[in-house]
Protein backbone atom coordinates (compact mmCIF):
# COMPACT_ATOMS: atom_id res chain seq x y z
CA MET A 1 40.35 36.61 51.01
CA ARG A 2 36.16 36.55 50.13
CA TYR A 3 33.93 34.83 48.04
CA ILE A 4 30.38 33.95 46.84
CA GLU A 5 29.27 30.38 47.79
CA PRO A 6 26.63 30.55 44.55
CA HIS A 7 25.04 27.23 44.47
CA GLY A 8 25.61 25.01 48.05
CA HIS A 9 23.23 22.93 49.56
CA MET A 10 23.08 23.79 52.94
CA VAL A 11 19.79 21.97 54.42
CA SER A 12 22.50 18.62 53.73
CA ARG A 13 25.51 20.65 55.93
CA THR A 14 26.11 21.30 59.48
CA THR A 15 26.23 24.17 61.59
CA ASP A 16 29.78 23.61 61.54
CA ASP A 17 29.65 23.93 57.81
CA TYR A 18 28.43 27.46 57.73
CA GLN A 19 31.31 28.54 60.89
CA ASP A 20 33.97 27.37 58.65
CA MET A 21 32.37 28.81 55.16
CA VAL A 22 32.33 32.56 57.32
CA THR A 23 35.64 32.12 58.48
CA ALA A 24 36.86 31.55 55.23
CA GLY A 25 35.31 34.66 53.89
CA CYS A 26 32.41 33.48 52.77
CA ALA A 27 29.40 36.80 52.60
CA ALA A 28 26.91 35.16 51.19
CA VAL A 29 25.88 31.50 50.01
CA CYS A 30 22.75 30.46 47.35
CA GLU A 31 21.14 27.30 47.41
CA PRO A 32 19.23 25.62 44.45
CA ALA A 33 16.34 23.41 45.62
CA PHE A 34 17.80 19.84 44.61
CA TRP A 35 17.22 15.51 45.05
CA ALA A 36 16.44 15.26 48.87
CA GLY A 37 18.38 12.01 48.51
CA PHE A 38 15.01 10.14 47.75
CA ASP A 39 12.10 11.08 45.87
CA ARG A 40 9.24 12.71 47.06
CA SER A 41 5.71 11.01 47.04
CA SER A 42 3.63 14.64 47.08
CA VAL A 43 3.68 17.62 46.28
CA ASP A 44 2.83 18.72 50.11
CA GLY A 45 6.39 17.45 50.61
CA PHE A 46 7.92 20.36 47.98
CA HIS A 47 5.86 22.80 49.95
CA ASP A 48 7.26 21.90 53.16
CA TYR A 49 11.00 21.62 51.46
CA PHE A 50 10.57 25.20 49.81
CA CYS A 51 8.49 26.99 53.03
CA GLN A 52 12.34 25.56 54.64
CA LEU A 53 14.41 27.22 51.71
CA THR A 54 12.48 30.30 51.70
CA ASP A 55 11.86 30.91 56.25
CA TYR A 56 13.84 27.91 58.24
CA GLU A 57 17.29 27.86 56.70
CA PRO A 58 17.53 31.92 55.70
CA LYS A 59 16.98 32.09 59.71
CA ARG A 60 19.68 29.50 60.89
CA ALA A 61 22.01 30.79 57.83
CA ALA A 62 21.53 34.06 60.20
CA LYS A 63 22.36 32.80 62.96
CA PHE A 64 26.76 32.77 61.51
CA GLY A 65 26.07 36.30 59.47
CA LEU A 66 25.51 34.93 56.23
CA PRO A 67 22.96 36.26 53.40
CA HIS A 68 21.05 33.17 52.29
CA PHE A 69 19.01 33.38 49.32
CA ALA A 70 17.41 30.39 47.25
CA TRP A 71 16.04 28.77 44.28
CA LEU A 72 13.01 26.77 43.24
CA CYS A 73 12.15 23.72 41.18
CA ILE A 74 11.42 20.41 41.30
CA ASN A 75 14.85 18.76 40.20
CA PRO A 76 15.37 16.65 37.28
CA LYS A 77 16.06 13.74 39.28
CA GLU A 78 12.04 13.47 40.18
CA SER A 79 11.10 15.11 37.25
CA GLU A 80 9.81 11.74 35.73
CA ASP A 81 6.57 12.07 36.96
CA VAL A 82 5.08 15.20 34.86
CA ALA A 83 2.09 15.01 36.75
CA LEU A 84 4.03 15.59 40.16
CA ALA A 85 5.54 18.09 38.78
CA THR A 86 2.89 19.93 37.30
CA ASP A 87 1.85 20.20 40.37
CA VAL A 88 4.85 21.41 42.23
CA ILE A 89 5.23 24.16 39.29
CA GLY A 90 1.45 25.01 40.67
CA ILE A 91 2.68 25.92 43.88
CA ILE A 92 5.97 27.66 42.94
CA PRO A 93 4.57 30.98 41.94
CA LYS A 94 3.50 31.84 45.55
CA PHE A 95 6.78 32.08 46.66
CA LEU A 96 8.36 33.83 44.74
CA ASP A 97 8.19 37.06 46.47
CA ARG A 98 9.80 35.47 49.50
CA PRO A 99 12.20 38.03 49.88
CA ASN A 100 15.29 35.42 49.52
CA VAL A 101 13.96 33.45 46.69
CA LEU A 102 16.47 34.58 43.31
CA GLY A 103 15.08 32.47 40.78
CA ILE A 104 14.24 29.21 38.60
CA GLY A 105 16.16 26.43 39.41
CA GLU A 106 18.58 24.01 39.34
CA ILE A 107 16.32 23.12 36.44
CA GLY A 108 17.43 20.68 33.69
CA LEU A 109 18.21 17.03 32.48
CA ASN A 110 19.21 14.09 34.52
CA LYS A 111 18.87 11.37 31.91
CA ASN A 112 17.79 13.39 28.84
CA SER A 113 14.26 11.92 28.60
CA ARG A 114 11.20 13.28 27.22
CA ASN A 115 9.33 14.20 30.46
CA GLU A 116 12.98 15.91 31.33
CA MET A 117 12.37 17.41 28.34
CA LYS A 118 8.61 18.05 29.19
CA VAL A 119 8.94 19.33 32.69
CA LEU A 120 12.53 21.80 31.70
CA GLU A 121 10.14 23.54 29.20
CA MET A 122 7.64 23.93 31.91
CA HIS A 123 10.21 25.66 34.37
CA VAL A 124 11.10 27.92 31.11
CA ASP A 125 7.78 28.98 30.88
CA LEU A 126 7.52 29.71 34.50
CA ALA A 127 11.03 31.60 34.39
CA ALA A 128 10.07 33.75 31.13
CA ARG A 129 6.22 34.40 32.43
CA ASN A 130 7.60 36.21 35.84
CA ASP A 131 10.48 37.39 34.80
CA GLN A 132 13.00 35.17 36.86
CA LEU A 133 17.04 34.17 36.50
CA ILE A 134 16.98 30.74 35.58
CA LEU A 135 20.30 27.90 36.92
CA VAL A 136 20.30 25.06 34.90
CA HIS A 137 21.82 21.74 35.87
CA THR A 138 23.17 19.54 33.22
CA PRO A 139 23.52 15.71 33.57
CA HIS A 140 26.54 14.04 35.21
CA LEU A 141 26.25 11.05 33.19
CA GLU A 142 28.61 10.78 29.88
CA ASP A 143 26.12 12.21 27.59
CA LYS A 144 26.19 15.76 29.42
CA LEU A 145 27.05 16.86 26.20
CA LYS A 146 24.07 15.52 24.63
CA GLY A 147 22.18 17.13 27.71
CA THR A 148 23.33 20.37 26.77
CA ARG A 149 23.33 20.54 23.43
CA LEU A 150 19.10 19.48 24.53
CA ILE A 151 18.98 22.06 27.19
CA LEU A 152 20.23 25.16 25.07
CA ASP A 153 17.84 23.96 22.60
CA VAL A 154 15.30 24.59 24.76
CA LEU A 155 16.02 27.89 26.02
CA ARG A 156 17.04 29.33 22.67
CA SER A 157 13.74 28.46 21.18
CA ASP A 158 12.01 30.70 23.95
CA LYS A 159 13.00 34.37 22.10
CA ARG A 160 11.86 35.41 26.15
CA ILE A 161 14.89 33.50 27.43
CA ARG A 162 17.56 36.19 27.91
CA PRO A 163 20.62 34.09 28.09
CA GLU A 164 22.84 36.36 30.23
CA ARG A 165 19.95 35.46 32.17
CA CYS A 166 20.46 32.12 32.64
CA ILE A 167 23.75 29.69 34.13
CA ILE A 168 24.83 27.09 32.82
CA ASP A 169 26.25 24.47 35.61
CA HIS A 170 28.29 21.75 35.80
CA VAL A 171 29.99 22.39 32.64
CA GLU A 172 33.20 20.44 32.06
CA GLU A 173 35.88 20.74 29.29
CA HIS A 174 33.46 19.15 26.24
CA THR A 175 31.22 21.54 27.30
CA ILE A 176 32.33 24.78 28.34
CA GLN A 177 33.13 26.67 25.24
CA LEU A 178 29.29 25.17 23.80
CA VAL A 179 27.72 27.89 27.19
CA LEU A 180 29.79 30.28 26.50
CA ASP A 181 30.01 30.85 22.80
CA ALA A 182 25.92 30.43 22.95
CA GLY A 183 26.05 33.60 25.13
CA PHE A 184 24.95 32.10 28.40
CA TRP A 185 26.94 32.11 31.82
CA ALA A 186 28.65 28.74 32.69
CA GLY A 187 29.46 26.96 36.22
CA MET A 188 32.23 24.92 37.38
CA THR A 189 31.05 22.25 40.35
CA LEU A 190 34.05 21.45 42.12
CA TYR A 191 33.82 18.20 43.87
CA PRO A 192 36.75 15.83 45.02
CA GLU A 193 35.46 12.57 43.24
CA SER A 194 33.34 14.05 39.67
CA LYS A 195 32.74 16.68 37.98
CA CYS A 196 35.63 19.23 38.21
CA SER A 197 38.84 19.46 40.23
CA PRO A 198 40.15 22.37 41.27
CA ALA A 199 42.96 21.93 39.38
CA ARG A 200 41.15 21.25 36.49
CA ALA A 201 38.86 24.54 36.87
CA VAL A 202 42.13 26.63 37.02
CA ASP A 203 43.08 24.82 33.49
CA MET A 204 39.89 25.82 32.01
CA LEU A 205 39.45 29.35 33.24
CA ASP A 206 43.40 29.55 31.61
CA LEU A 207 42.31 27.83 28.75
CA TYR A 208 38.43 29.60 28.38
CA SER A 209 37.95 33.06 30.23
CA HIS A 210 37.15 35.11 33.74
CA GLU A 211 34.27 36.40 32.20
CA ARG A 212 30.95 35.00 32.41
CA ILE A 213 32.02 32.02 34.98
CA TRP A 214 31.26 31.69 38.69
CA MET A 215 32.64 28.63 40.57
CA ASN A 216 30.80 26.52 43.27
CA SER A 217 30.78 23.72 45.03
CA ALA A 218 27.52 22.29 45.87
CA CYS A 219 28.20 20.70 49.02
CA ASP A 220 25.24 17.82 49.78
CA TRP A 221 24.67 14.69 51.18
CA GLY A 222 27.29 13.53 49.30
CA VAL A 223 30.91 13.67 48.91
CA SER A 224 31.83 17.40 48.54
CA ILE A 225 33.12 20.35 50.39
CA PRO A 226 32.07 23.59 51.39
CA LEU A 227 35.25 25.20 51.03
CA ALA A 228 35.72 23.99 47.64
CA VAL A 229 35.73 27.83 46.30
CA PRO A 230 38.29 29.23 48.61
CA ARG A 231 40.51 26.22 48.07
CA THR A 232 40.13 26.59 44.27
CA ALA A 233 41.36 30.31 44.86
CA LEU A 234 44.61 28.83 46.34
CA GLU A 235 45.13 26.77 43.60
CA MET A 236 44.77 30.23 41.12
CA LYS A 237 47.00 31.50 43.10
CA ARG A 238 49.52 28.66 42.93
CA ARG A 239 49.73 29.19 39.36
CA GLY A 240 49.96 32.62 39.57
CA TRP A 241 46.44 34.70 39.27
CA PRO A 242 46.31 38.17 40.12
CA THR A 243 44.21 38.82 43.16
CA GLU A 244 42.54 41.41 41.41
CA LEU A 245 41.49 37.93 38.76
CA ILE A 246 40.46 35.91 41.73
CA ASP A 247 38.50 38.10 43.12
CA LYS A 248 36.86 38.65 39.80
CA VAL A 249 36.63 35.33 39.88
CA ILE A 250 34.75 33.77 43.18
CA TYR A 251 33.24 37.34 44.09
CA ARG A 252 32.54 39.84 41.44
CA ASN A 253 31.30 37.39 39.23
CA PRO A 254 29.33 35.48 41.48
CA ILE A 255 27.70 38.91 42.08
CA GLN A 256 27.38 40.55 38.67
CA PHE A 257 25.08 37.24 37.61
CA LEU A 258 23.12 37.39 40.67
CA SER A 259 22.06 41.23 40.84
CA GLN A 260 20.08 40.59 38.24
CA CYS A 261 17.59 39.80 40.90
CA PRO A 262 17.12 43.20 42.26
CA LYS A 263 16.52 41.08 45.49
CA PHE A 264 20.14 39.35 45.54
CA LYS A 265 21.45 42.52 48.13
CA LEU A 266 24.88 42.26 50.05
CA PRO A 267 25.10 43.79 53.92
């Protein structure tokens, strides 16, 4: 088996996780900027975090032969402070030429607030001005559907944004069709206690499509499984999915999307 982990928060994981992922067939890991488990108090904290994502973590992954890529942003949970968000977004351009940076993400909404919307629009403008790919976080709350609609409205209202260069992550049964019908890519996040279980993910693949879809573990500080993607591939195999289509979903689909950034290259 071979696969790409297109959304994993490796700064929160141990070296054992890297070893296990490589052993399971992981060919590359992509790490979006996210919440650190606490709200950072200054732009300097984000500067150091971006250095971690673009310097230290790629070196740590390389010890296990695993290519590491990153996305940069101020995450939705910390976007209520618009002044801080403005300062953080202001330092991102100097990191965009780092060799492992794929784009802007994971941007989006947490509570669907006005301040979050403003910061989302700032991120989208940054991505458009710098011709960057976009990775979007949708809310984990009961208003995921509302948040997804708001996010799609923001992206579609900016005529510089091409849907095929944006992936809307954390889709569930009530949002996946909305995302795919609008021409965007959809990401399914595989969590043991929330978001999407392997069985639910394969149900959605059965119902909708295997085009413009990827699966990820989004492994972080909470209850999560770094090997969620290969485990879900085993569920696909159990249900009779052909090997070629399993490979497409967990390996070739992520490569198709990520290769829109010329810096995404596998050894």
